[in-house]
């Protein structure tokens, strides 16, 4: 058993030990091949360990890190648990020792029998040596949280960052675990602080996390920073709901100062801006938000956000009941900006003045004709409004222009056009739509909807994307069973040399089973399985999965 640690990098071993010490290994059970268990963190993962004569033969975990072919911290955590069981007195083969239920009940009896003073001493000594336990006790049973405690929590967060960073950078393969640990840190500490009404401290720690995360260089291809920012925004909302006026003032000042001094990453600045504008609706905050917007408008006259700031200022002026003359002058001054027109458009919609709303949109089309995104928005609104007022000619014009200008990106509007056409008109429109540069997914859906199965087959076959083949298998199997069988067999044979772990073996064997459902497929599946048993006989996990599948 001692040599199993050689299978892991030191940093992975350290994380695995931490998971094991924190009780993350659950349902450890002995199997014919070795052990199975679940490891719980922010997500629960299943781990399998195959052993022979006390030696590890194979390990698998369904986490993303292990999926890349690496041995992960979840495997290491389970190995620590196995080591504990193998060296202990309890046998797991059912021949001797107590079963889990009995052990659990007896443990409760033992705890109940411990004198209270001794138990308190034990918990105190345990908490001194275990930060997680100390944090839990302080937050859930303490009457206050001092600055030293917050300082230590910040130190814990920095330790998480250091654990995953290599020369100051967090690589993609570590990013998922890194973000998961940060989110677990937030859940454990910030949520508990909010529950216990330590709101100022929770706000301070949330902001510290956001600052550290956004300033830490990392490969964020999977959008981990966006996820953490979303968590922070949710914590802000929870804190605001429970905060008194003094605490809310403090929150507003923090947001306002960060924005004024541009102390945030561009993405996070957008998150904070949206938050402060959507919340803090009291009049005292509205005046301060106007001052903030004036600074942004002065600084960013030629930026992309300029129009957004102008529009937001108009909405606040209206909420503060500025004189109608002043508001109208403001509208006239900035009328060429789309956000101003959007505010006025929304007013007409609220008043159900459809004609005025249409006039705004038609004018906007002329003013913003070079902006594709704005034009798409205007046309979608016009389609709905012309339909509402019964202007069929204008409705058809906007509908067709939108479909062809957007390359048929909205399938619901394509179907809407079909309902508005004669069969002859629709055939002509359909030909033009399919000949254009449609989004691939939309095109496949349209071909299926129209029963154009040969064209659907050609589109799918040329790309040979497995998820598309599976998605349309039900319909294509009925029309082209032999083609689909050959396609799946070809996929299996091309990928049989690429798979390398139990999960991948299992996935490929699912397609082997799928092949048996086709006429003549059972024979081909057996031939492939027989070939695997000959060529890959040393892959124990692969042979095991074949046996499980009945091959």
Protein backbone atom coordinates (compact mmCIF):
# COMPACT_ATOMS: atom_id res chain seq x y z
CA UNK A 1 0.00 0.00 0.00
CA UNK A 2 2.88 2.40 0.60
CA UNK A 3 3.77 2.75 -3.09
CA UNK A 4 0.36 4.08 -4.17
CA UNK A 5 1.45 7.68 -3.41
CA UNK A 6 3.94 7.45 -6.25
CA UNK A 7 0.99 7.67 -8.62
CA UNK A 8 0.31 11.30 -7.62
CA UNK A 9 2.01 14.67 -7.76
CA UNK A 10 2.68 16.13 -4.31
CA UNK A 11 0.19 18.98 -4.75
CA UNK A 12 -2.53 16.50 -5.73
CA UNK A 13 -1.69 14.32 -2.73
CA UNK A 14 -1.96 17.35 -0.44
CA UNK A 15 -5.38 18.23 -1.81
CA UNK A 16 -6.51 14.62 -1.55
CA UNK A 17 -5.42 14.42 2.10
CA UNK A 18 -7.30 17.66 2.81
CA UNK A 19 -10.47 16.23 1.23
CA UNK A 20 -10.09 13.01 3.24
CA UNK A 21 -9.45 14.85 6.52
CA UNK A 22 -12.56 16.98 5.95
CA UNK A 23 -14.76 13.90 5.53
CA UNK A 24 -15.36 14.28 1.80
CA UNK A 25 -14.99 10.52 1.08
CA UNK A 26 -18.43 8.92 1.32
CA UNK A 27 -19.89 5.42 0.85
CA UNK A 28 -16.51 3.68 0.59
CA UNK A 29 -17.33 0.09 -0.35
CA UNK A 30 -15.38 -3.00 -1.30
CA UNK A 31 -16.01 -4.54 -4.72
CA UNK A 32 -14.80 -7.64 -6.51
CA UNK A 33 -12.10 -5.53 -8.20
CA UNK A 34 -11.18 -3.18 -5.36
CA UNK A 35 -13.10 -0.20 -3.96
CA UNK A 36 -15.67 2.39 -4.99
CA UNK A 37 -16.57 5.65 -3.26
CA UNK A 38 -18.02 9.10 -3.75
CA UNK A 39 -16.03 12.26 -3.02
CA UNK A 40 -18.11 15.36 -2.26
CA UNK A 41 -17.00 18.94 -2.71
CA UNK A 42 -18.93 21.53 -4.68
CA UNK A 43 -19.82 18.55 -6.94
CA UNK A 44 -20.00 14.84 -6.08
CA UNK A 45 -17.68 12.57 -8.09
CA UNK A 46 -17.54 8.78 -8.30
CA UNK A 47 -14.15 7.09 -7.87
CA UNK A 48 -13.21 3.48 -8.66
CA UNK A 49 -9.96 1.86 -7.51
CA UNK A 50 -8.99 -1.58 -8.84
CA UNK A 51 -6.49 -3.52 -6.72
CA UNK A 52 -4.80 -6.89 -6.82
CA UNK A 53 -2.81 -8.28 -3.89
CA UNK A 54 -2.67 -4.87 -2.23
CA UNK A 55 -1.38 -3.13 -5.34
CA UNK A 56 -3.25 -0.48 -7.31
CA UNK A 57 -3.97 -1.67 -10.86
CA UNK A 58 -6.34 1.03 -12.11
CA UNK A 59 -7.99 4.25 -10.92
CA UNK A 60 -10.82 6.28 -12.40
CA UNK A 61 -12.87 9.36 -11.47
CA UNK A 62 -15.57 11.18 -13.43
CA UNK A 63 -14.17 14.67 -12.69
CA UNK A 64 -12.90 16.85 -15.59
CA UNK A 65 -9.28 16.68 -14.37
CA UNK A 66 -9.23 12.87 -14.42
CA UNK A 67 -11.01 12.87 -17.77
CA UNK A 68 -7.86 14.44 -19.24
CA UNK A 69 -5.93 11.32 -18.21
CA UNK A 70 -4.45 12.62 -14.93
CA UNK A 71 -4.73 11.15 -11.42
CA UNK A 72 -6.85 13.59 -9.42
CA UNK A 73 -7.27 14.70 -5.80
CA UNK A 74 -10.52 12.71 -5.52
CA UNK A 75 -8.64 9.48 -6.30
CA UNK A 76 -6.00 10.43 -3.72
CA UNK A 77 -8.68 11.12 -1.09
CA UNK A 78 -10.19 7.67 -1.63
CA UNK A 79 -6.74 6.07 -1.45
CA UNK A 80 -6.19 7.67 1.97
CA UNK A 81 -9.54 6.23 3.08
CA UNK A 82 -8.64 2.79 1.73
CA UNK A 83 -5.28 2.92 3.46
CA UNK A 84 -7.04 3.70 6.73
CA UNK A 85 -9.44 0.78 6.27
CA UNK A 86 -6.77 -1.68 5.15
CA UNK A 87 -4.60 -0.88 8.16
CA UNK A 88 -7.52 -0.86 10.62
CA UNK A 89 -9.39 -3.65 12.45
CA UNK A 90 -12.65 -3.50 10.50
CA UNK A 91 -12.88 -5.90 7.56
CA UNK A 92 -15.00 -4.77 4.66
CA UNK A 93 -15.74 -8.17 3.14
CA UNK A 94 -18.69 -8.78 5.40
CA UNK A 95 -17.11 -11.78 7.24
CA UNK A 96 -16.27 -9.92 10.40
CA UNK A 97 -16.46 -6.50 12.03
CA UNK A 98 -19.51 -4.33 12.59
CA UNK A 99 -21.74 -3.13 9.78
CA UNK A 100 -22.01 0.59 9.11
CA UNK A 101 -25.39 1.08 10.71
CA UNK A 102 -24.30 -0.55 13.95
CA UNK A 103 -21.07 1.48 13.99
CA UNK A 104 -23.02 4.67 13.47
CA UNK A 105 -25.48 3.92 16.28
CA UNK A 106 -22.75 2.93 18.71
CA UNK A 107 -20.81 6.10 17.88
CA UNK A 108 -23.87 8.16 18.85
CA UNK A 109 -24.11 6.28 22.14
CA UNK A 110 -20.43 6.96 22.84
CA UNK A 111 -20.75 10.68 22.08
CA UNK A 112 -23.83 10.92 24.31
CA UNK A 113 -21.89 9.34 27.15
CA UNK A 114 -18.95 11.82 27.06
CA UNK A 115 -19.04 14.28 30.00
CA UNK A 116 -19.86 17.79 28.76
CA UNK A 117 -16.68 19.39 30.11
CA UNK A 118 -14.48 16.78 28.41
CA UNK A 119 -16.38 17.18 25.17
CA UNK A 120 -15.90 20.95 25.24
CA UNK A 121 -12.18 20.53 25.89
CA UNK A 122 -11.93 18.09 23.00
CA UNK A 123 -13.80 20.41 20.59
CA UNK A 124 -11.58 23.32 21.66
CA UNK A 125 -8.37 21.38 21.04
CA UNK A 126 -9.74 20.07 17.76
CA UNK A 127 -10.64 23.59 16.59
CA UNK A 128 -7.17 24.90 17.44
CA UNK A 129 -5.65 22.43 14.99
CA UNK A 130 -8.33 22.55 12.29
CA UNK A 131 -9.17 25.85 10.58
CA UNK A 132 -12.42 24.57 9.09
CA UNK A 133 -13.75 23.57 12.50
CA UNK A 134 -12.58 26.85 14.05
CA UNK A 135 -14.28 28.86 11.30
CA UNK A 136 -17.50 26.90 11.74
CA UNK A 137 -17.55 27.49 15.49
CA UNK A 138 -16.69 31.20 15.28
CA UNK A 139 -19.29 31.98 12.64
CA UNK A 140 -22.12 29.82 13.99
CA UNK A 141 -21.66 30.31 17.74
CA UNK A 142 -19.64 33.52 18.19
CA UNK A 143 -21.28 36.84 19.04
CA UNK A 144 -18.87 38.83 16.87
CA UNK A 145 -16.13 38.46 14.29
CA UNK A 146 -12.96 40.41 14.97
CA UNK A 147 -10.51 41.86 12.46
CA UNK A 148 -7.95 39.14 13.21
CA UNK A 149 -10.43 36.46 12.18
CA UNK A 150 -11.20 38.19 8.88
CA UNK A 151 -7.46 38.57 8.34
CA UNK A 152 -7.01 34.81 8.79
CA UNK A 153 -9.83 34.07 6.35
CA UNK A 154 -8.16 36.27 3.77
CA UNK A 155 -4.96 34.37 4.41
CA UNK A 156 -6.86 31.10 3.75
CA UNK A 157 -8.06 32.44 0.41
CA UNK A 158 -4.55 33.46 -0.57
CA UNK A 159 -3.39 29.95 0.34
CA UNK A 160 -5.97 28.49 -2.08
CA UNK A 161 -4.65 30.75 -4.83
CA UNK A 162 -1.02 29.80 -4.14
CA UNK A 163 -1.93 26.12 -4.12
CA UNK A 164 -3.09 26.27 -7.71
CA UNK A 165 -0.76 28.87 -9.18
CA UNK A 166 2.47 28.01 -10.93
CA UNK A 167 4.86 30.97 -11.19
CA UNK A 168 1.90 33.22 -10.46
CA UNK A 169 -0.34 31.76 -13.21
CA UNK A 170 -3.21 29.27 -12.91
CA UNK A 171 -3.31 26.93 -15.91
CA UNK A 172 -6.50 25.71 -17.58
CA UNK A 173 -6.17 22.17 -16.21
CA UNK A 174 -6.18 23.58 -12.65
CA UNK A 175 -8.79 26.29 -13.21
CA UNK A 176 -11.87 24.13 -12.55
CA UNK A 177 -10.60 22.82 -9.20
CA UNK A 178 -9.36 26.29 -8.27
CA UNK A 179 -12.72 27.93 -8.90
CA UNK A 180 -14.51 25.05 -7.14
CA UNK A 181 -12.36 25.54 -4.03
CA UNK A 182 -12.94 29.30 -4.08
CA UNK A 183 -16.70 28.80 -4.36
CA UNK A 184 -16.58 26.26 -1.52
CA UNK A 185 -14.62 28.80 0.56
CA UNK A 186 -17.31 31.42 -0.12
CA UNK A 187 -20.16 29.06 0.64
CA UNK A 188 -18.61 27.91 3.92
CA UNK A 189 -17.72 31.38 5.20
CA UNK A 190 -19.75 34.10 3.49
CA UNK A 191 -23.10 32.29 3.56
CA UNK A 192 -22.67 31.47 7.24
CA UNK A 193 -21.79 35.11 8.00
CA UNK A 194 -24.95 36.31 6.22
CA UNK A 195 -27.09 33.74 8.05
CA UNK A 196 -25.70 34.98 11.38
CA UNK A 197 -26.08 38.66 10.42
CA UNK A 198 -22.36 39.42 10.24
CA UNK A 199 -23.23 41.53 7.21
CA UNK A 200 -20.37 44.04 7.18
CA UNK A 201 -17.85 41.23 7.49
CA UNK A 202 -19.60 39.20 4.79
CA UNK A 203 -19.53 42.20 2.46
CA UNK A 204 -15.84 42.82 3.13
CA UNK A 205 -14.91 39.19 2.49
CA UNK A 206 -17.04 39.01 -0.69
CA UNK A 207 -15.28 42.04 -2.10
CA UNK A 208 -11.88 40.67 -1.16
CA UNK A 209 -12.63 37.43 -3.01
CA UNK A 210 -13.77 39.36 -6.07
CA UNK A 211 -10.64 41.52 -6.03
CA UNK A 212 -8.29 38.54 -5.68
CA UNK A 213 -10.03 36.41 -8.29
CA UNK A 214 -10.12 39.10 -10.96
CA UNK A 215 -6.51 40.14 -10.43
CA UNK A 216 -5.12 36.60 -10.44
CA UNK A 217 -3.69 35.68 -13.88
CA UNK A 218 -5.28 32.45 -15.11
CA UNK A 219 -6.58 30.66 -18.19
CA UNK A 220 -10.28 31.37 -17.74
CA UNK A 221 -11.49 29.64 -20.91
CA UNK A 222 -14.29 27.94 -18.94
CA UNK A 223 -15.64 31.20 -17.48
CA UNK A 224 -14.82 30.60 -13.83
CA UNK A 225 -14.42 34.29 -13.05
CA UNK A 226 -17.89 34.98 -14.44
CA UNK A 227 -19.30 32.28 -12.13
CA UNK A 228 -17.58 33.74 -9.06
CA UNK A 229 -18.74 37.25 -9.99
CA UNK A 230 -22.30 35.90 -10.19
CA UNK A 231 -21.91 34.38 -6.71
CA UNK A 232 -20.67 37.73 -5.38
CA UNK A 233 -23.62 39.53 -6.90
CA UNK A 234 -26.01 37.09 -5.21
CA UNK A 235 -24.27 37.62 -1.86
CA UNK A 236 -24.57 41.39 -2.28
CA UNK A 237 -28.30 41.01 -2.82
CA UNK A 238 -28.69 38.83 0.27
CA UNK A 239 -26.70 41.29 2.35
CA UNK A 240 -28.75 44.25 1.08
CA UNK A 241 -32.01 42.52 1.98
CA UNK A 242 -30.90 42.21 5.62
CA UNK A 243 -28.82 45.40 5.94
CA UNK A 244 -29.84 48.48 7.90
CA UNK A 245 -29.51 51.98 6.42
CA UNK A 246 -26.01 52.49 7.78
CA UNK A 247 -24.75 49.25 6.23
CA UNK A 248 -26.43 50.01 2.92
CA UNK A 249 -24.75 53.43 2.89
CA UNK A 250 -21.41 51.74 3.43
CA UNK A 251 -22.09 49.31 0.57
CA UNK A 252 -23.07 52.11 -1.77
CA UNK A 253 -19.94 54.09 -0.95
CA UNK A 254 -17.76 51.06 -1.74
CA UNK A 255 -19.44 50.49 -5.12
CA UNK A 256 -19.44 54.18 -5.96
CA UNK A 257 -15.77 54.72 -5.07
CA UNK A 258 -14.60 51.64 -6.96
CA UNK A 259 -16.40 52.84 -10.08
CA UNK A 260 -15.25 56.45 -9.79
CA UNK A 261 -11.62 55.45 -9.30
CA UNK A 262 -11.75 52.66 -11.89
CA UNK A 263 -10.21 50.20 -9.46
CA UNK A 264 -11.88 47.18 -11.03
CA UNK A 265 -11.26 44.93 -14.00
CA UNK A 266 -13.40 45.98 -17.01
CA UNK A 267 -15.69 42.95 -16.72
CA UNK A 268 -16.16 43.36 -12.97
CA UNK A 269 -16.70 47.09 -13.40
CA UNK A 270 -19.64 46.23 -15.68
CA UNK A 271 -20.99 43.81 -13.03
CA UNK A 272 -20.73 46.46 -10.30
CA UNK A 273 -22.23 49.14 -12.55
CA UNK A 274 -25.26 47.00 -13.38
CA UNK A 275 -25.71 46.11 -9.71
CA UNK A 276 -25.59 49.68 -8.43
CA UNK A 277 -27.98 50.89 -11.14
CA UNK A 278 -30.55 48.14 -10.57
CA UNK A 279 -30.49 48.51 -6.80
CA UNK A 280 -30.31 51.41 -4.32
CA UNK A 281 -33.62 52.89 -5.49
CA UNK A 282 -34.02 55.38 -2.63
CA UNK A 283 -33.92 59.06 -3.57
CA UNK A 284 -30.67 59.76 -1.69
CA UNK A 285 -28.92 57.17 -3.83
CA UNK A 286 -30.52 58.39 -7.08
CA UNK A 287 -28.88 61.80 -6.74
CA UNK A 288 -25.49 60.16 -6.13
CA UNK A 289 -25.98 57.85 -9.09
CA UNK A 290 -26.63 60.91 -11.26
CA UNK A 291 -23.31 62.37 -10.13
CA UNK A 292 -21.59 59.07 -10.95
CA UNK A 293 -23.17 58.98 -14.41
CA UNK A 294 -22.10 62.57 -15.08
CA UNK A 295 -18.49 61.54 -14.39
CA UNK A 296 -18.79 58.56 -16.73
CA UNK A 297 -20.40 60.68 -19.44
CA UNK A 298 -17.63 63.26 -19.18
CA UNK A 299 -14.90 60.58 -19.34
CA UNK A 300 -16.38 58.23 -21.94
CA UNK A 301 -17.88 60.49 -24.57
CA UNK A 302 -16.56 58.32 -27.41
CA UNK A 303 -16.85 54.93 -25.72
CA UNK A 304 -19.25 52.08 -26.45
CA UNK A 305 -20.98 52.66 -23.07
CA UNK A 306 -21.63 56.36 -23.63
CA UNK A 307 -25.16 55.81 -24.95
CA UNK A 308 -25.93 53.48 -22.02
CA UNK A 309 -24.92 56.13 -19.48
CA UNK A 310 -27.00 58.79 -21.21
CA UNK A 311 -30.08 56.53 -21.23
CA UNK A 312 -29.64 55.59 -17.57
CA UNK A 313 -29.39 59.25 -16.60
CA UNK A 314 -32.69 60.00 -18.37
CA UNK A 315 -34.45 57.23 -16.41
CA UNK A 316 -33.15 58.59 -13.10
CA UNK A 317 -34.16 62.15 -14.02
CA UNK A 318 -37.68 60.84 -14.59
CA UNK A 319 -37.71 58.99 -11.26
CA UNK A 320 -36.62 62.19 -9.50
CA UNK A 321 -39.46 64.06 -11.23
CA UNK A 322 -37.31 66.58 -13.06
CA UNK A 323 -39.37 69.29 -14.83
CA UNK A 324 -40.90 68.08 -18.13
CA UNK A 325 -39.19 70.91 -20.03
CA UNK A 326 -35.75 69.87 -18.76
CA UNK A 327 -36.40 66.19 -19.60
CA UNK A 328 -37.61 67.05 -23.11
CA UNK A 329 -34.56 69.21 -23.76
CA UNK A 330 -32.36 66.32 -22.62
CA UNK A 331 -34.16 63.93 -25.00
CA UNK A 332 -33.75 66.32 -27.92
CA UNK A 333 -30.07 66.86 -27.20
CA UNK A 334 -29.26 63.14 -27.24
CA UNK A 335 -31.97 61.86 -29.58
CA UNK A 336 -29.49 60.25 -31.96
CA UNK A 337 -28.33 57.89 -29.23
CA UNK A 338 -30.26 54.57 -29.30
CA UNK A 339 -30.60 54.29 -25.51
CA UNK A 340 -32.54 57.55 -25.35
CA UNK A 341 -34.95 56.32 -28.00
CA UNK A 342 -35.28 53.02 -26.16
CA UNK A 343 -36.39 54.83 -22.99
CA UNK A 344 -39.05 56.71 -24.99
CA UNK A 345 -40.05 53.51 -26.83
CA UNK A 346 -40.54 51.71 -23.50
CA UNK A 347 -42.76 54.59 -22.33
CA UNK A 348 -45.02 54.24 -25.38
CA UNK A 349 -45.21 50.47 -24.90
CA UNK A 350 -46.24 50.98 -21.25
CA UNK A 351 -48.95 53.38 -22.47
CA UNK A 352 -49.99 50.89 -25.22
CA UNK A 353 -49.48 53.61 -27.83
CA UNK A 354 -48.46 51.15 -30.56
CA UNK A 355 -48.35 53.68 -33.38
CA UNK A 356 -45.95 56.00 -31.56
CA UNK A 357 -43.78 53.01 -30.67
CA UNK A 358 -43.70 51.99 -34.36
CA UNK A 359 -42.67 55.50 -35.39
CA UNK A 360 -39.75 55.39 -32.93
CA UNK A 361 -38.59 52.06 -34.37
CA UNK A 362 -38.87 53.15 -38.00
CA UNK A 363 -36.85 56.27 -37.25
CA UNK A 364 -34.31 54.21 -35.31
CA UNK A 365 -33.81 51.92 -38.32
CA UNK A 366 -32.69 54.92 -40.36
CA UNK A 367 -30.46 56.35 -37.64
CA UNK A 368 -28.76 53.04 -36.81
CA UNK A 369 -28.81 51.28 -40.17
CA UNK A 370 -25.12 50.36 -39.89
CA UNK A 371 -25.52 48.65 -36.52
CA UNK A 372 -26.51 45.01 -37.08
CA UNK A 373 -27.49 44.29 -33.47
CA UNK A 374 -29.70 47.34 -33.14
CA UNK A 375 -31.35 46.66 -36.50
CA UNK A 376 -32.18 43.11 -35.44
CA UNK A 377 -33.77 44.40 -32.23
CA UNK A 378 -35.80 47.05 -34.05
CA UNK A 379 -37.09 44.56 -36.62
CA UNK A 380 -38.11 42.01 -34.03
CA UNK A 381 -40.08 44.68 -32.18
CA UNK A 382 -41.66 45.89 -35.43
CA UNK A 383 -42.69 42.35 -36.39
CA UNK A 384 -44.57 42.04 -33.11
CA UNK A 385 -46.12 45.52 -33.32
CA UNK A 386 -47.22 45.31 -36.97
CA UNK A 387 -48.82 41.96 -36.19
CA UNK A 388 -50.55 43.51 -33.18
CA UNK A 389 -52.02 46.42 -35.18
CA UNK A 390 -52.93 44.20 -38.16
CA UNK A 391 -50.68 45.82 -40.79
CA UNK A 392 -50.09 42.63 -42.82
CA UNK A 393 -48.00 44.18 -45.57
CA UNK A 394 -45.57 45.86 -43.18
CA UNK A 395 -45.52 42.72 -41.01
CA UNK A 396 -44.49 40.50 -43.95
CA UNK A 397 -41.84 43.01 -45.05
CA UNK A 398 -40.19 43.17 -41.62
CA UNK A 399 -40.46 39.43 -41.11
CA UNK A 400 -38.74 38.51 -44.39
CA UNK A 401 -36.08 41.22 -44.01
CA UNK A 402 -35.24 40.01 -40.55
CA UNK A 403 -34.99 36.35 -41.61
CA UNK A 404 -32.71 37.04 -44.57
CA UNK A 405 -30.61 39.70 -42.85
CA UNK A 406 -30.03 37.44 -39.83
CA UNK A 407 -29.33 34.37 -42.00
CA UNK A 408 -32.33 32.56 -40.57
CA UNK A 409 -31.00 32.55 -37.03
CA UNK A 410 -34.48 32.52 -35.43
CA UNK A 411 -36.34 29.34 -36.33
CA UNK A 412 -39.56 30.49 -34.64
CA UNK A 413 -39.78 33.45 -37.04
CA UNK A 414 -39.11 31.16 -40.01
CA UNK A 415 -42.07 29.03 -38.94
CA UNK A 416 -44.08 32.23 -38.46
CA UNK A 417 -43.32 33.16 -42.08
CA UNK A 418 -44.41 29.72 -43.25
CA UNK A 419 -47.77 30.17 -41.49
CA UNK A 420 -48.24 33.52 -43.22
CA UNK A 421 -47.50 32.14 -46.72
CA UNK A 422 -49.30 30.15 -49.38
CA UNK A 423 -47.63 26.75 -50.03
CA UNK A 424 -46.15 28.09 -53.27
CA UNK A 425 -44.76 31.20 -51.59
CA UNK A 426 -43.27 29.12 -48.81
CA UNK A 427 -41.38 26.81 -51.22
CA UNK A 428 -39.76 29.84 -52.80
CA UNK A 429 -38.85 31.37 -49.42
CA UNK A 430 -37.57 28.03 -48.11
CA UNK A 431 -35.23 27.60 -51.06
CA UNK A 432 -33.74 31.05 -50.48
CA UNK A 433 -33.39 30.47 -46.72
CA UNK A 434 -31.59 27.13 -47.14
CA UNK A 435 -29.33 28.56 -49.83
CA UNK A 436 -28.18 31.30 -47.47
CA UNK A 437 -25.55 31.19 -44.73
CA UNK A 438 -27.82 29.75 -42.05
CA UNK A 439 -26.61 28.81 -38.61
CA UNK A 440 -25.88 25.11 -38.78
CA UNK A 441 -28.13 24.04 -35.92
CA UNK A 442 -31.05 26.04 -37.29
CA UNK A 443 -30.59 24.55 -40.74
CA UNK A 444 -30.66 20.97 -39.42
CA UNK A 445 -33.85 21.66 -37.46
CA UNK A 446 -35.51 23.20 -40.51
CA UNK A 447 -34.55 20.26 -42.75
CA UNK A 448 -36.03 17.83 -40.24
CA UNK A 449 -39.18 19.90 -39.81
CA UNK A 450 -39.64 20.03 -43.59
CA UNK A 451 -39.06 16.28 -44.02
CA UNK A 452 -36.01 16.89 -46.23
CA UNK A 453 -34.23 13.78 -44.98
CA UNK A 454 -31.72 13.28 -47.78
CA UNK A 455 -30.49 16.84 -47.34
CA UNK A 456 -30.46 16.35 -43.56
CA UNK A 457 -28.35 13.21 -43.96
CA UNK A 458 -25.85 14.95 -46.21
CA UNK A 459 -25.44 17.84 -43.77
CA UNK A 460 -24.84 15.50 -40.82
CA UNK A 461 -22.63 13.05 -42.72
CA UNK A 462 -20.30 15.77 -44.01
CA UNK A 463 -19.61 17.10 -40.50
CA UNK A 464 -19.77 13.73 -38.70
CA UNK A 465 -20.34 15.43 -35.34
CA UNK A 466 -21.43 12.71 -32.92
CA UNK A 467 -23.88 14.85 -30.94
CA UNK A 468 -25.70 15.73 -34.17
CA UNK A 469 -25.79 12.11 -35.31
CA UNK A 470 -27.30 11.09 -31.97
CA UNK A 471 -29.77 13.95 -31.97
CA UNK A 472 -31.25 12.99 -35.35
CA UNK A 473 -30.77 9.23 -35.05
CA UNK A 474 -34.42 8.50 -34.31
CA UNK A 475 -35.65 9.97 -37.59
CA UNK A 476 -32.66 8.96 -39.76
CA UNK A 477 -32.71 5.37 -38.48
CA UNK A 478 -36.16 4.93 -39.99
CA UNK A 479 -35.15 6.37 -43.36
CA UNK A 480 -31.50 5.28 -43.71
CA UNK A 481 -30.88 2.33 -41.31
CA UNK A 482 -27.92 0.90 -43.26
CA UNK A 483 -26.19 4.27 -43.53
CA UNK A 484 -26.62 4.92 -39.81
CA UNK A 485 -25.28 1.47 -38.91
CA UNK A 486 -22.18 2.01 -41.06
CA UNK A 487 -21.71 5.46 -39.55
CA UNK A 488 -21.74 4.19 -35.95
CA UNK A 489 -19.48 1.22 -36.75
CA UNK A 490 -17.02 3.58 -38.42
CA UNK A 491 -17.08 5.88 -35.39
CA UNK A 492 -16.36 2.97 -33.01
CA UNK A 493 -13.44 1.69 -35.07
CA UNK A 494 -11.90 5.14 -35.46
CA UNK A 495 -12.03 5.80 -31.72
CA UNK A 496 -11.14 2.39 -30.25
CA UNK A 497 -7.44 3.28 -30.12
CA UNK A 498 -8.09 6.71 -28.54
CA UNK A 499 -9.94 5.64 -25.38
CA UNK A 500 -7.84 5.15 -22.26
CA UNK A 501 -9.95 5.12 -19.09
CA UNK A 502 -13.05 3.40 -17.75
CA UNK A 503 -15.42 6.26 -18.51
CA UNK A 504 -14.26 6.43 -22.12
CA UNK A 505 -14.52 2.64 -22.48
CA UNK A 506 -18.05 2.78 -21.11
CA UNK A 507 -19.06 5.57 -23.51
CA UNK A 508 -17.71 3.73 -26.55
CA UNK A 509 -19.41 0.49 -25.50
CA UNK A 510 -22.73 2.39 -25.35
CA UNK A 511 -22.35 2.87 -29.10
CA UNK A 512 -21.45 -0.79 -29.48
CA UNK A 513 -24.76 -1.63 -27.81
CA UNK A 514 -26.52 0.91 -30.02
CA UNK A 515 -25.17 -0.92 -33.10
CA UNK A 516 -26.91 -4.15 -31.97
CA UNK A 517 -30.28 -2.44 -32.36
CA UNK A 518 -29.84 -2.20 -36.14
CA UNK A 519 -30.54 -5.01 -38.56
CA UNK A 520 -27.28 -6.92 -38.98
CA UNK A 521 -25.68 -4.84 -36.25
CA UNK A 522 -25.48 -7.56 -33.60
CA UNK A 523 -23.05 -9.57 -35.73
CA UNK A 524 -20.83 -6.53 -36.34
CA UNK A 525 -20.87 -5.61 -32.65
CA UNK A 526 -19.76 -9.12 -31.66
CA UNK A 527 -16.96 -9.01 -34.22
CA UNK A 528 -15.71 -5.69 -32.79
CA UNK A 529 -15.95 -7.00 -29.20
CA UNK A 530 -14.04 -10.17 -30.13
CA UNK A 531 -11.34 -8.06 -31.76
CA UNK A 532 -11.05 -5.93 -28.61
CA UNK A 533 -10.66 -9.01 -26.43
CA UNK A 534 -7.77 -10.09 -28.61
CA UNK A 535 -6.05 -6.73 -29.13
CA UNK A 536 -6.79 -5.01 -25.79
CA UNK A 537 -6.86 -8.00 -23.43
CA UNK A 538 -4.44 -6.29 -21.02
CA UNK A 539 -6.87 -3.40 -20.47
CA UNK A 540 -8.67 -4.82 -17.45
CA UNK A 541 -11.13 -1.94 -17.15
CA UNK A 542 -12.08 -2.27 -20.82
CA UNK A 543 -12.65 -6.03 -20.45
CA UNK A 544 -14.70 -5.38 -17.33
CA UNK A 545 -16.92 -2.88 -19.16
CA UNK A 546 -17.39 -5.37 -22.02
CA UNK A 547 -18.52 -7.99 -19.51
CA UNK A 548 -20.93 -5.56 -17.85
CA UNK A 549 -22.45 -4.75 -21.25
CA UNK A 550 -22.96 -8.43 -22.05
CA UNK A 551 -20.28 -8.81 -24.74
